[in-house]
Amino acid sequence: MLFDNPLSNSTLDLITVTLIFCLIFLSVLSLCFIFHLRLKSKSITHLQGFNSLWGVRFLLVLFIILWAITELLRLTFFRRKYLHPFLPSITTFLQAKICKLHIVFSLGLFEPAFLVTLLCLLNASIRKKTPDDMWAITFVFLTCLPVVTLQGFLVFFNPLEKQVPSLFREASMLLEDGETVLCAYPFINSIVFAGFGSLYSTWFLFSCWKVLSLVINKGLRVRIYALASAVLLALPLQVMSLGFTVLWSPNEEVYAVVSLIVFLSAFCCAVTGEGILVIKPISDALHAGGQCCLWAPRVVGVKEGSV
């Protein structure tokens, strides 16, 4: 039977699916906060300045949801339990294509995009003028364009296909039963993401330093430290884990453990970003009138707590 393999129904896959659905629930909650504030700002004048970033926050949550969906499609367990009943004729060829698309969209577009959007929200906190949503959205897409283009080229038109071992370039593996396809992380694509991660971490660290140099409120500083710690620890861990995947085959349990670490690292960045950059500041804005919230446009002054 299609996908009939004990590895596909492992505890690790079940944990991953559970966490993904929790993340999607948190993202839906974040969207509710965003649109609730947008509606409130139409009738409450002092919320309008804070609401100017609603499009960027929406983009952050949207990219996180799309990333979560691509991670679901990566899991053989999910494809067997939820995708196969609706698409019983899905072939191993199509499964392999799904794995390739996962690499392109997850490591090339959606995760880099939500990380860059997170950075835009952080930098917006120290701008003297109200930032423009369209500028931020354009910046995110232009920043991610080289990454997704290179990832797509290496996955679908790899010029080194005959020069490197399959573990360095294959995005999937067909098991001996001839029916089950396991998604993998090609080492070459992991190197591309590592390059992005290195540049991003440096940029993010510098941005955090600039924000901390202006913020004097203890509570706001704690949030910035929490955000910085989550991103600057999780992202390097994800890059290291991606590098270690080359040491094992996708059908080994150790590979599944390392893949879970890769997922958890990005999951940590996503949850922290939504909590600190979306839910918490919007909640503060609604309770305090939008005048003393982190990541509102800098229209009142840092000493008053508007960062």
C-alpha atoms as a PDB file:
ATOM      1  CA  MET A   1       0.000   0.000   0.000  1.00  0.00           C
ATOM      2  CA  LEU A   2       1.204   3.526  -0.752  1.00  0.00           C
ATOM      3  CA  PHE A   3       3.302   5.096   2.039  1.00  0.00           C
ATOM      4  CA  ASP A   4       3.065   1.849   4.024  1.00  0.00           C
ATOM      5  CA  ASN A   5       6.296   2.194   5.968  1.00  0.00           C
ATOM      6  CA  PRO A   6       6.845   2.365   9.746  1.00  0.00           C
ATOM      7  CA  LEU A   7       9.203   5.299   9.411  1.00  0.00           C
ATOM      8  CA  SER A   8       6.448   7.465   7.943  1.00  0.00           C
ATOM      9  CA  ASN A   9       4.289   6.995  11.026  1.00  0.00           C
ATOM     10  CA  SER A  10       7.042   7.706  13.518  1.00  0.00           C
ATOM     11  CA  THR A  11       6.630   9.665  16.710  1.00  0.00           C
ATOM     12  CA  LEU A  12       8.894  12.391  15.341  1.00  0.00           C
ATOM     13  CA  ASP A  13       6.617  12.993  12.371  1.00  0.00           C
ATOM     14  CA  LEU A  14       3.595  13.105  14.655  1.00  0.00           C
ATOM     15  CA  ILE A  15       5.336  15.639  16.906  1.00  0.00           C
ATOM     16  CA  THR A  16       6.174  17.769  13.881  1.00  0.00           C
ATOM     17  CA  VAL A  17       2.597  17.688  12.578  1.00  0.00           C
ATOM     18  CA  THR A  18       1.260  18.646  16.017  1.00  0.00           C
ATOM     19  CA  LEU A  19       3.643  21.591  16.305  1.00  0.00           C
ATOM     20  CA  ILE A  20       2.791  22.773  12.809  1.00  0.00           C
ATOM     21  CA  PHE A  21      -0.923  22.825  13.584  1.00  0.00           C
ATOM     22  CA  CYS A  22      -0.160  24.713  16.820  1.00  0.00           C
ATOM     23  CA  LEU A  23       1.840  27.244  14.806  1.00  0.00           C
ATOM     24  CA  ILE A  24      -0.986  27.649  12.307  1.00  0.00           C
ATOM     25  CA  PHE A  25      -3.399  28.223  15.203  1.00  0.00           C
ATOM     26  CA  LEU A  26      -1.064  30.863  16.647  1.00  0.00           C
ATOM     27  CA  SER A  27      -0.823  32.468  13.212  1.00  0.00           C
ATOM     28  CA  VAL A  28      -4.604  32.626  12.866  1.00  0.00           C
ATOM     29  CA  LEU A  29      -4.742  34.218  16.321  1.00  0.00           C
ATOM     30  CA  SER A  30      -2.129  36.739  15.185  1.00  0.00           C
ATOM     31  CA  LEU A  31      -4.233  37.584  12.136  1.00  0.00           C
ATOM     32  CA  CYS A  32      -7.214  38.180  14.419  1.00  0.00           C
ATOM     33  CA  PHE A  33      -5.131  40.623  16.466  1.00  0.00           C
ATOM     34  CA  ILE A  34      -3.936  42.409  13.319  1.00  0.00           C
ATOM     35  CA  PHE A  35      -7.386  42.907  11.823  1.00  0.00           C
ATOM     36  CA  HIS A  36      -8.946  43.751  15.185  1.00  0.00           C
ATOM     37  CA  LEU A  37      -6.421  46.559  15.632  1.00  0.00           C
ATOM     38  CA  ARG A  38      -7.014  47.724  12.065  1.00  0.00           C
ATOM     39  CA  LEU A  39     -10.750  48.001  12.694  1.00  0.00           C
ATOM     40  CA  LYS A  40     -10.187  49.733  16.046  1.00  0.00           C
ATOM     41  CA  SER A  41      -7.782  52.256  14.519  1.00  0.00           C
ATOM     42  CA  LYS A  42     -10.496  53.560  12.199  1.00  0.00           C
ATOM     43  CA  SER A  43     -12.427  54.907  15.175  1.00  0.00           C
ATOM     44  CA  ILE A  44      -9.573  55.607  17.619  1.00  0.00           C
ATOM     45  CA  THR A  45      -7.180  58.263  16.336  1.00  0.00           C
ATOM     46  CA  HIS A  46      -4.173  57.483  18.540  1.00  0.00           C
ATOM     47  CA  LEU A  47      -4.052  53.901  17.238  1.00  0.00           C
ATOM     48  CA  GLN A  48      -3.615  54.946  13.618  1.00  0.00           C
ATOM     49  CA  GLY A  49       0.142  55.521  13.865  1.00  0.00           C
ATOM     50  CA  PHE A  50       0.741  52.104  15.379  1.00  0.00           C
ATOM     51  CA  ASN A  51      -1.528  50.486  12.802  1.00  0.00           C
ATOM     52  CA  SER A  52       0.648  51.805   9.953  1.00  0.00           C
ATOM     53  CA  LEU A  53       2.653  48.565  10.098  1.00  0.00           C
ATOM     54  CA  TRP A  54      -0.341  46.284   9.771  1.00  0.00           C
ATOM     55  CA  GLY A  55       0.637  45.215   6.239  1.00  0.00           C
ATOM     56  CA  VAL A  56       4.137  44.191   7.316  1.00  0.00           C
ATOM     57  CA  ARG A  57       2.783  42.240  10.282  1.00  0.00           C
ATOM     58  CA  PHE A  58       0.255  40.553   8.012  1.00  0.00           C
ATOM     59  CA  LEU A  59       3.075  39.620   5.638  1.00  0.00           C
ATOM     60  CA  LEU A  60       5.086  38.122   8.506  1.00  0.00           C
ATOM     61  CA  VAL A  61       2.193  35.916   9.581  1.00  0.00           C
ATOM     62  CA  LEU A  62       1.342  34.967   5.992  1.00  0.00           C
ATOM     63  CA  PHE A  63       4.883  33.799   5.258  1.00  0.00           C
ATOM     64  CA  ILE A  64       4.925  31.777   8.475  1.00  0.00           C
ATOM     65  CA  ILE A  65       1.666  30.044   7.515  1.00  0.00           C
ATOM     66  CA  LEU A  66       2.976  29.253   4.032  1.00  0.00           C
ATOM     67  CA  TRP A  67       6.221  27.931   5.493  1.00  0.00           C
ATOM     68  CA  ALA A  68       4.246  25.703   7.866  1.00  0.00           C
ATOM     69  CA  ILE A  69       2.235  24.287   4.955  1.00  0.00           C
ATOM     70  CA  THR A  70       5.391  23.419   3.018  1.00  0.00           C
ATOM     71  CA  GLU A  71       6.718  21.645   6.097  1.00  0.00           C
ATOM     72  CA  LEU A  72       3.525  19.594   6.258  1.00  0.00           C
ATOM     73  CA  LEU A  73       3.976  18.480   2.659  1.00  0.00           C
ATOM     74  CA  ARG A  74       7.530  17.396   3.464  1.00  0.00           C
ATOM     75  CA  LEU A  75       6.302  14.778   5.932  1.00  0.00           C
ATOM     76  CA  THR A  76       5.506  11.340   4.556  1.00  0.00           C
ATOM     77  CA  PHE A  77       3.183  10.812   7.515  1.00  0.00           C
ATOM     78  CA  PHE A  78       1.079  13.814   6.527  1.00  0.00           C
ATOM     79  CA  ARG A  79       0.983  12.855   2.856  1.00  0.00           C
ATOM     80  CA  ARG A  80      -0.138   9.345   3.757  1.00  0.00           C
ATOM     81  CA  LYS A  81      -2.790  10.335   6.313  1.00  0.00           C
ATOM     82  CA  TYR A  82      -4.212  13.527   4.828  1.00  0.00           C
ATOM     83  CA  LEU A  83      -3.062  14.017   1.237  1.00  0.00           C
ATOM     84  CA  HIS A  84      -3.364  10.477  -0.131  1.00  0.00           C
ATOM     85  CA  PRO A  85      -7.122  10.088   0.677  1.00  0.00           C
ATOM     86  CA  PHE A  86      -7.851  13.096  -1.571  1.00  0.00           C
ATOM     87  CA  LEU A  87      -5.209  12.234  -4.182  1.00  0.00           C
ATOM     88  CA  PRO A  88      -5.081   8.423  -4.242  1.00  0.00           C
ATOM     89  CA  SER A  89      -3.381   8.415  -7.631  1.00  0.00           C
ATOM     90  CA  ILE A  90      -0.351  10.397  -6.477  1.00  0.00           C
ATOM     91  CA  THR A  91       2.800   8.776  -7.854  1.00  0.00           C
ATOM     92  CA  THR A  92       6.344   8.559  -6.572  1.00  0.00           C
ATOM     93  CA  PHE A  93       7.309  11.038  -9.293  1.00  0.00           C
ATOM     94  CA  LEU A  94       4.850  13.605  -7.925  1.00  0.00           C
ATOM     95  CA  GLN A  95       6.047  12.941  -4.386  1.00  0.00           C
ATOM     96  CA  ALA A  96       9.611  13.639  -5.494  1.00  0.00           C
ATOM     97  CA  LYS A  97       8.437  16.896  -7.111  1.00  0.00           C
ATOM     98  CA  ILE A  98       6.771  17.891  -3.835  1.00  0.00           C
ATOM     99  CA  CYS A  99      10.082  17.348  -2.042  1.00  0.00           C
ATOM    100  CA  LYS A 100      11.871  19.561  -4.566  1.00  0.00           C
ATOM    101  CA  LEU A 101       9.256  22.274  -4.197  1.00  0.00           C
ATOM    102  CA  HIS A 102       9.661  22.035  -0.431  1.00  0.00           C
ATOM    103  CA  ILE A 103      13.350  22.897  -0.706  1.00  0.00           C
ATOM    104  CA  VAL A 104      12.715  25.827  -3.039  1.00  0.00           C
ATOM    105  CA  PHE A 105       9.830  27.340  -1.088  1.00  0.00           C
ATOM    106  CA  SER A 106      10.904  26.499   2.467  1.00  0.00           C
ATOM    107  CA  LEU A 107      14.649  27.231   2.366  1.00  0.00           C
ATOM    108  CA  GLY A 108      14.481  29.606  -0.590  1.00  0.00           C
ATOM    109  CA  LEU A 109      11.398  31.765  -0.085  1.00  0.00           C
ATOM    110  CA  PHE A 110       9.065  31.415   2.878  1.00  0.00           C
ATOM    111  CA  GLU A 111      11.554  31.069   5.742  1.00  0.00           C
ATOM    112  CA  PRO A 112      13.959  33.732   4.412  1.00  0.00           C
ATOM    113  CA  ALA A 113      10.935  35.951   3.745  1.00  0.00           C
ATOM    114  CA  PHE A 114       9.500  35.749   7.260  1.00  0.00           C
ATOM    115  CA  LEU A 115      12.969  36.297   8.714  1.00  0.00           C
ATOM    116  CA  VAL A 116      13.529  39.406   6.578  1.00  0.00           C
ATOM    117  CA  THR A 117      10.025  40.664   7.415  1.00  0.00           C
ATOM    118  CA  LEU A 118      10.843  40.193  11.083  1.00  0.00           C
ATOM    119  CA  LEU A 119      13.954  42.304  10.535  1.00  0.00           C
ATOM    120  CA  CYS A 120      11.895  45.012   8.814  1.00  0.00           C
ATOM    121  CA  LEU A 121       9.613  45.251  11.838  1.00  0.00           C
ATOM    122  CA  LEU A 122      12.616  45.507  14.126  1.00  0.00           C
ATOM    123  CA  ASN A 123      14.233  48.278  12.069  1.00  0.00           C
ATOM    124  CA  ALA A 124      10.917  50.129  11.764  1.00  0.00           C
ATOM    125  CA  SER A 125      10.997  50.684  15.515  1.00  0.00           C
ATOM    126  CA  ILE A 126      13.860  53.196  15.245  1.00  0.00           C
ATOM    127  CA  ARG A 127      12.716  55.076  12.157  1.00  0.00           C
ATOM    128  CA  LYS A 128      11.802  58.704  12.774  1.00  0.00           C
ATOM    129  CA  LYS A 129       9.156  58.644  10.067  1.00  0.00           C
ATOM    130  CA  THR A 130       6.262  56.239   9.789  1.00  0.00           C
ATOM    131  CA  PRO A 131       7.513  53.405   7.550  1.00  0.00           C
ATOM    132  CA  ASP A 132       5.717  52.619   4.321  1.00  0.00           C
ATOM    133  CA  ASP A 133       4.188  49.156   3.968  1.00  0.00           C
ATOM    134  CA  MET A 134       4.868  48.918   0.245  1.00  0.00           C
ATOM    135  CA  TRP A 135       8.522  49.797   0.738  1.00  0.00           C
ATOM    136  CA  ALA A 136       8.902  47.031   3.312  1.00  0.00           C
ATOM    137  CA  ILE A 137       7.063  44.474   1.169  1.00  0.00           C
ATOM    138  CA  THR A 138       9.169  45.349  -1.880  1.00  0.00           C
ATOM    139  CA  PHE A 139      12.332  45.121   0.196  1.00  0.00           C
ATOM    140  CA  VAL A 140      11.398  41.647   1.467  1.00  0.00           C
ATOM    141  CA  PHE A 141      10.759  40.263  -2.006  1.00  0.00           C
ATOM    142  CA  LEU A 142      13.879  41.827  -3.517  1.00  0.00           C
ATOM    143  CA  THR A 143      16.014  40.462  -0.685  1.00  0.00           C
ATOM    144  CA  CYS A 144      14.643  36.936  -1.053  1.00  0.00           C
ATOM    145  CA  LEU A 145      14.670  36.871  -4.858  1.00  0.00           C
ATOM    146  CA  PRO A 146      18.355  35.858  -5.215  1.00  0.00           C
ATOM    147  CA  VAL A 147      17.955  33.098  -2.614  1.00  0.00           C
ATOM    148  CA  VAL A 148      14.846  31.505  -4.109  1.00  0.00           C
ATOM    149  CA  THR A 149      16.242  31.818  -7.635  1.00  0.00           C
ATOM    150  CA  LEU A 150      19.473  30.065  -6.705  1.00  0.00           C
ATOM    151  CA  GLN A 151      17.651  27.369  -4.728  1.00  0.00           C
ATOM    152  CA  GLY A 152      15.307  26.702  -7.638  1.00  0.00           C
ATOM    153  CA  PHE A 153      18.167  26.569 -10.125  1.00  0.00           C
ATOM    154  CA  LEU A 154      20.123  24.064  -8.017  1.00  0.00           C
ATOM    155  CA  VAL A 155      17.065  21.860  -7.480  1.00  0.00           C
ATOM    156  CA  PHE A 156      15.713  21.750 -11.027  1.00  0.00           C
ATOM    157  CA  PHE A 157      18.748  22.601 -13.202  1.00  0.00           C
ATOM    158  CA  ASN A 158      21.720  21.454 -11.151  1.00  0.00           C
ATOM    159  CA  PRO A 159      24.870  21.792 -13.295  1.00  0.00           C
ATOM    160  CA  LEU A 160      26.800  19.621 -10.811  1.00  0.00           C
ATOM    161  CA  GLU A 161      24.400  16.694 -11.030  1.00  0.00           C
ATOM    162  CA  LYS A 162      27.018  14.279 -12.381  1.00  0.00           C
ATOM    163  CA  GLN A 163      29.966  15.654 -10.417  1.00  0.00           C
ATOM    164  CA  VAL A 164      28.686  15.296  -6.839  1.00  0.00           C
ATOM    165  CA  PRO A 165      27.246  12.339  -4.850  1.00  0.00           C
ATOM    166  CA  SER A 166      23.474  11.954  -4.716  1.00  0.00           C
ATOM    167  CA  LEU A 167      23.335  12.897  -1.016  1.00  0.00           C
ATOM    168  CA  PHE A 168      24.666  16.339  -1.973  1.00  0.00           C
ATOM    169  CA  ARG A 169      21.983  17.059  -4.576  1.00  0.00           C
ATOM    170  CA  GLU A 170      18.945  14.785  -4.119  1.00  0.00           C
ATOM    171  CA  ALA A 171      15.828  16.290  -2.524  1.00  0.00           C
ATOM    172  CA  SER A 172      14.140  12.913  -2.022  1.00  0.00           C
ATOM    173  CA  MET A 173      14.786   9.203  -1.625  1.00  0.00           C
ATOM    174  CA  LEU A 174      12.676   6.289  -2.860  1.00  0.00           C
ATOM    175  CA  LEU A 175      12.499   3.418  -0.371  1.00  0.00           C
ATOM    176  CA  GLU A 176      12.943  -0.215  -1.325  1.00  0.00           C
ATOM    177  CA  ASP A 177       9.191  -0.813  -1.412  1.00  0.00           C
ATOM    178  CA  GLY A 178       9.079   1.355  -4.532  1.00  0.00           C
ATOM    179  CA  GLU A 179       6.125   3.361  -3.217  1.00  0.00           C
ATOM    180  CA  THR A 180       7.355   5.572  -0.367  1.00  0.00           C
ATOM    181  CA  VAL A 181       9.314   8.765  -0.973  1.00  0.00           C
ATOM    182  CA  LEU A 182      11.198  10.479   1.857  1.00  0.00           C
ATOM    183  CA  CYS A 183      12.095  14.144   1.493  1.00  0.00           C
ATOM    184  CA  ALA A 184      15.700  15.157   2.086  1.00  0.00           C
ATOM    185  CA  TYR A 185      17.858  18.270   2.401  1.00  0.00           C
ATOM    186  CA  PRO A 186      20.413  18.474  -0.445  1.00  0.00           C
ATOM    187  CA  PHE A 187      23.761  19.587   0.933  1.00  0.00           C
ATOM    188  CA  ILE A 188      24.298  22.105  -1.874  1.00  0.00           C
ATOM    189  CA  ASN A 189      21.002  23.817  -1.080  1.00  0.00           C
ATOM    190  CA  SER A 190      21.888  23.762   2.608  1.00  0.00           C
ATOM    191  CA  ILE A 191      25.074  25.680   1.772  1.00  0.00           C
ATOM    192  CA  VAL A 192      23.012  28.363   0.025  1.00  0.00           C
ATOM    193  CA  PHE A 193      20.761  28.711   3.062  1.00  0.00           C
ATOM    194  CA  ALA A 194      23.839  28.808   5.313  1.00  0.00           C
ATOM    195  CA  GLY A 195      25.144  31.767   3.313  1.00  0.00           C
ATOM    196  CA  PHE A 196      21.835  33.563   3.750  1.00  0.00           C
ATOM    197  CA  GLY A 197      21.762  32.674   7.452  1.00  0.00           C
ATOM    198  CA  SER A 198      25.256  34.065   8.036  1.00  0.00           C
ATOM    199  CA  LEU A 199      24.493  37.393   6.376  1.00  0.00           C
ATOM    200  CA  TYR A 200      21.112  37.624   8.058  1.00  0.00           C
ATOM    201  CA  SER A 201      22.473  36.883  11.547  1.00  0.00           C
ATOM    202  CA  THR A 202      25.076  39.638  11.202  1.00  0.00           C
ATOM    203  CA  TRP A 203      22.466  42.117   9.990  1.00  0.00           C
ATOM    204  CA  PHE A 204      20.004  41.120  12.693  1.00  0.00           C
ATOM    205  CA  LEU A 205      22.630  41.450  15.443  1.00  0.00           C
ATOM    206  CA  PHE A 206      23.528  44.949  14.256  1.00  0.00           C
ATOM    207  CA  SER A 207      19.841  45.959  14.145  1.00  0.00           C
ATOM    208  CA  CYS A 208      19.271  44.669  17.681  1.00  0.00           C
ATOM    209  CA  TRP A 209      22.271  46.656  18.884  1.00  0.00           C
ATOM    210  CA  LYS A 210      20.862  49.848  17.323  1.00  0.00           C
ATOM    211  CA  VAL A 211      17.454  49.320  18.916  1.00  0.00           C
ATOM    212  CA  LEU A 212      18.942  48.532  22.337  1.00  0.00           C
ATOM    213  CA  SER A 213      21.026  51.713  22.184  1.00  0.00           C
ATOM    214  CA  LEU A 214      17.778  53.725  22.036  1.00  0.00           C
ATOM    215  CA  VAL A 215      15.460  51.790  24.348  1.00  0.00           C
ATOM    216  CA  ILE A 216      15.591  52.643  28.062  1.00  0.00           C
ATOM    217  CA  ASN A 217      12.448  50.821  29.194  1.00  0.00           C
ATOM    218  CA  LYS A 218      13.388  47.596  30.985  1.00  0.00           C
ATOM    219  CA  GLY A 219      10.397  45.630  29.734  1.00  0.00           C
ATOM    220  CA  LEU A 220      11.092  46.559  26.123  1.00  0.00           C
ATOM    221  CA  ARG A 221      14.749  45.617  26.488  1.00  0.00           C
ATOM    222  CA  VAL A 222      13.753  42.205  27.818  1.00  0.00           C
ATOM    223  CA  ARG A 223      11.620  41.619  24.726  1.00  0.00           C
ATOM    224  CA  ILE A 224      14.445  42.608  22.406  1.00  0.00           C
ATOM    225  CA  TYR A 225      16.878  40.332  24.248  1.00  0.00           C
ATOM    226  CA  ALA A 226      14.374  37.474  24.017  1.00  0.00           C
ATOM    227  CA  LEU A 227      13.883  38.016  20.290  1.00  0.00           C
ATOM    228  CA  ALA A 228      17.611  38.296  19.646  1.00  0.00           C
ATOM    229  CA  SER A 229      18.395  35.199  21.703  1.00  0.00           C
ATOM    230  CA  ALA A 230      15.771  33.119  19.917  1.00  0.00           C
ATOM    231  CA  VAL A 231      16.856  34.109  16.413  1.00  0.00           C
ATOM    232  CA  LEU A 232      20.623  34.197  16.957  1.00  0.00           C
ATOM    233  CA  LEU A 233      20.633  30.783  18.639  1.00  0.00           C
ATOM    234  CA  ALA A 234      18.013  29.005  16.537  1.00  0.00           C
ATOM    235  CA  LEU A 235      19.206  30.079  13.094  1.00  0.00           C
ATOM    236  CA  PRO A 236      22.845  28.923  13.513  1.00  0.00           C
ATOM    237  CA  LEU A 237      21.543  25.685  15.035  1.00  0.00           C
ATOM    238  CA  GLN A 238      19.362  25.160  11.977  1.00  0.00           C
ATOM    239  CA  VAL A 239      22.303  25.778   9.643  1.00  0.00           C
ATOM    240  CA  MET A 240      24.492  23.329  11.562  1.00  0.00           C
ATOM    241  CA  SER A 241      21.756  20.697  11.546  1.00  0.00           C
ATOM    242  CA  LEU A 242      21.283  21.086   7.802  1.00  0.00           C
ATOM    243  CA  GLY A 243      24.987  20.458   7.380  1.00  0.00           C
ATOM    244  CA  PHE A 244      24.857  17.321   9.513  1.00  0.00           C
ATOM    245  CA  THR A 245      22.087  15.781   7.398  1.00  0.00           C
ATOM    246  CA  VAL A 246      24.680  14.830   4.800  1.00  0.00           C
ATOM    247  CA  LEU A 247      26.146  12.287   7.240  1.00  0.00           C
ATOM    248  CA  TRP A 248      23.082  10.030   7.148  1.00  0.00           C
ATOM    249  CA  SER A 249      20.594   8.660   4.674  1.00  0.00           C
ATOM    250  CA  PRO A 250      16.965   9.923   4.823  1.00  0.00           C
ATOM    251  CA  ASN A 251      15.747   6.420   5.755  1.00  0.00           C
ATOM    252  CA  GLU A 252      17.770   6.403   9.000  1.00  0.00           C
ATOM    253  CA  GLU A 253      16.202   7.438  12.309  1.00  0.00           C
ATOM    254  CA  VAL A 254      19.116   9.773  13.081  1.00  0.00           C
ATOM    255  CA  TYR A 255      18.287  11.722   9.935  1.00  0.00           C
ATOM    256  CA  ALA A 256      14.717  12.130  11.185  1.00  0.00           C
ATOM    257  CA  VAL A 257      16.012  13.489  14.503  1.00  0.00           C
ATOM    258  CA  VAL A 258      18.283  16.009  12.776  1.00  0.00           C
ATOM    259  CA  SER A 259      15.429  17.021  10.460  1.00  0.00           C
ATOM    260  CA  LEU A 260      13.273  17.647  13.527  1.00  0.00           C
ATOM    261  CA  ILE A 261      15.981  19.944  14.919  1.00  0.00           C
ATOM    262  CA  VAL A 262      16.025  21.822  11.604  1.00  0.00           C
ATOM    263  CA  PHE A 263      12.267  22.283  11.869  1.00  0.00           C
ATOM    264  CA  LEU A 264      12.306  23.237  15.561  1.00  0.00           C
ATOM    265  CA  SER A 265      14.908  25.936  14.937  1.00  0.00           C
ATOM    266  CA  ALA A 266      12.754  27.684  12.343  1.00  0.00           C
ATOM    267  CA  PHE A 267       9.653  27.005  14.461  1.00  0.00           C
ATOM    268  CA  CYS A 268      11.278  28.825  17.388  1.00  0.00           C
ATOM    269  CA  CYS A 269      11.986  31.894  15.235  1.00  0.00           C
ATOM    270  CA  ALA A 270       8.417  31.909  13.921  1.00  0.00           C
ATOM    271  CA  VAL A 271       6.736  31.573  17.318  1.00  0.00           C
ATOM    272  CA  THR A 272       8.978  34.177  18.937  1.00  0.00           C
ATOM    273  CA  GLY A 273       8.467  36.578  16.045  1.00  0.00           C
ATOM    274  CA  GLU A 274       4.680  36.340  16.168  1.00  0.00           C
ATOM    275  CA  GLY A 275       4.591  36.596  19.943  1.00  0.00           C
ATOM    276  CA  ILE A 276       6.947  39.559  20.318  1.00  0.00           C
ATOM    277  CA  LEU A 277       6.330  41.456  17.081  1.00  0.00           C
ATOM    278  CA  VAL A 278       2.610  40.866  16.553  1.00  0.00           C
ATOM    279  CA  ILE A 279       0.550  39.643  19.494  1.00  0.00           C
ATOM    280  CA  LYS A 280       2.282  41.393  22.405  1.00  0.00           C
ATOM    281  CA  PRO A 281       2.665  44.890  20.876  1.00  0.00           C
ATOM    282  CA  ILE A 282      -0.879  44.882  19.494  1.00  0.00           C
ATOM    283  CA  SER A 283      -2.198  43.773  22.880  1.00  0.00           C
ATOM    284  CA  ASP A 284      -0.243  46.602  24.522  1.00  0.00           C
ATOM    285  CA  ALA A 285      -1.555  49.081  21.969  1.00  0.00           C
ATOM    286  CA  LEU A 286      -5.158  48.129  22.627  1.00  0.00           C
ATOM    287  CA  HIS A 287      -4.701  48.366  26.396  1.00  0.00           C
ATOM    288  CA  ALA A 288      -2.489  51.458  26.563  1.00  0.00           C
ATOM    289  CA  GLY A 289      -3.867  53.476  23.674  1.00  0.00           C
ATOM    290  CA  GLY A 290      -1.052  52.742  21.237  1.00  0.00           C
ATOM    291  CA  GLN A 291       1.353  55.178  22.937  1.00  0.00           C
ATOM    292  CA  CYS A 292       3.837  52.926  24.711  1.00  0.00           C
ATOM    293  CA  CYS A 293       4.243  49.828  22.623  1.00  0.00           C
ATOM    294  CA  LEU A 294       7.265  48.147  21.169  1.00  0.00           C
ATOM    295  CA  TRP A 295       7.472  48.252  17.385  1.00  0.00           C
ATOM    296  CA  ALA A 296       5.159  51.172  16.916  1.00  0.00           C
ATOM    297  CA  PRO A 297       6.496  53.922  14.620  1.00  0.00           C
ATOM    298  CA  ARG A 298       8.767  56.244  16.518  1.00  0.00           C
ATOM    299  CA  VAL A 299       6.401  59.190  16.790  1.00  0.00           C
ATOM    300  CA  VAL A 300       6.447  59.871  20.543  1.00  0.00           C
ATOM    301  CA  GLY A 301      10.080  59.375  21.513  1.00  0.00           C
ATOM    302  CA  VAL A 302      12.197  56.645  22.927  1.00  0.00           C
ATOM    303  CA  LYS A 303      12.286  58.037  26.425  1.00  0.00           C
ATOM    304  CA  GLU A 304       8.542  57.682  26.633  1.00  0.00           C
ATOM    305  CA  GLY A 305       8.769  54.051  25.607  1.00  0.00           C
ATOM    306  CA  SER A 306       7.568  54.291  22.014  1.00  0.00           C
ATOM    307  CA  VAL A 307      10.097  52.270  20.065  1.00  0.00           C
END
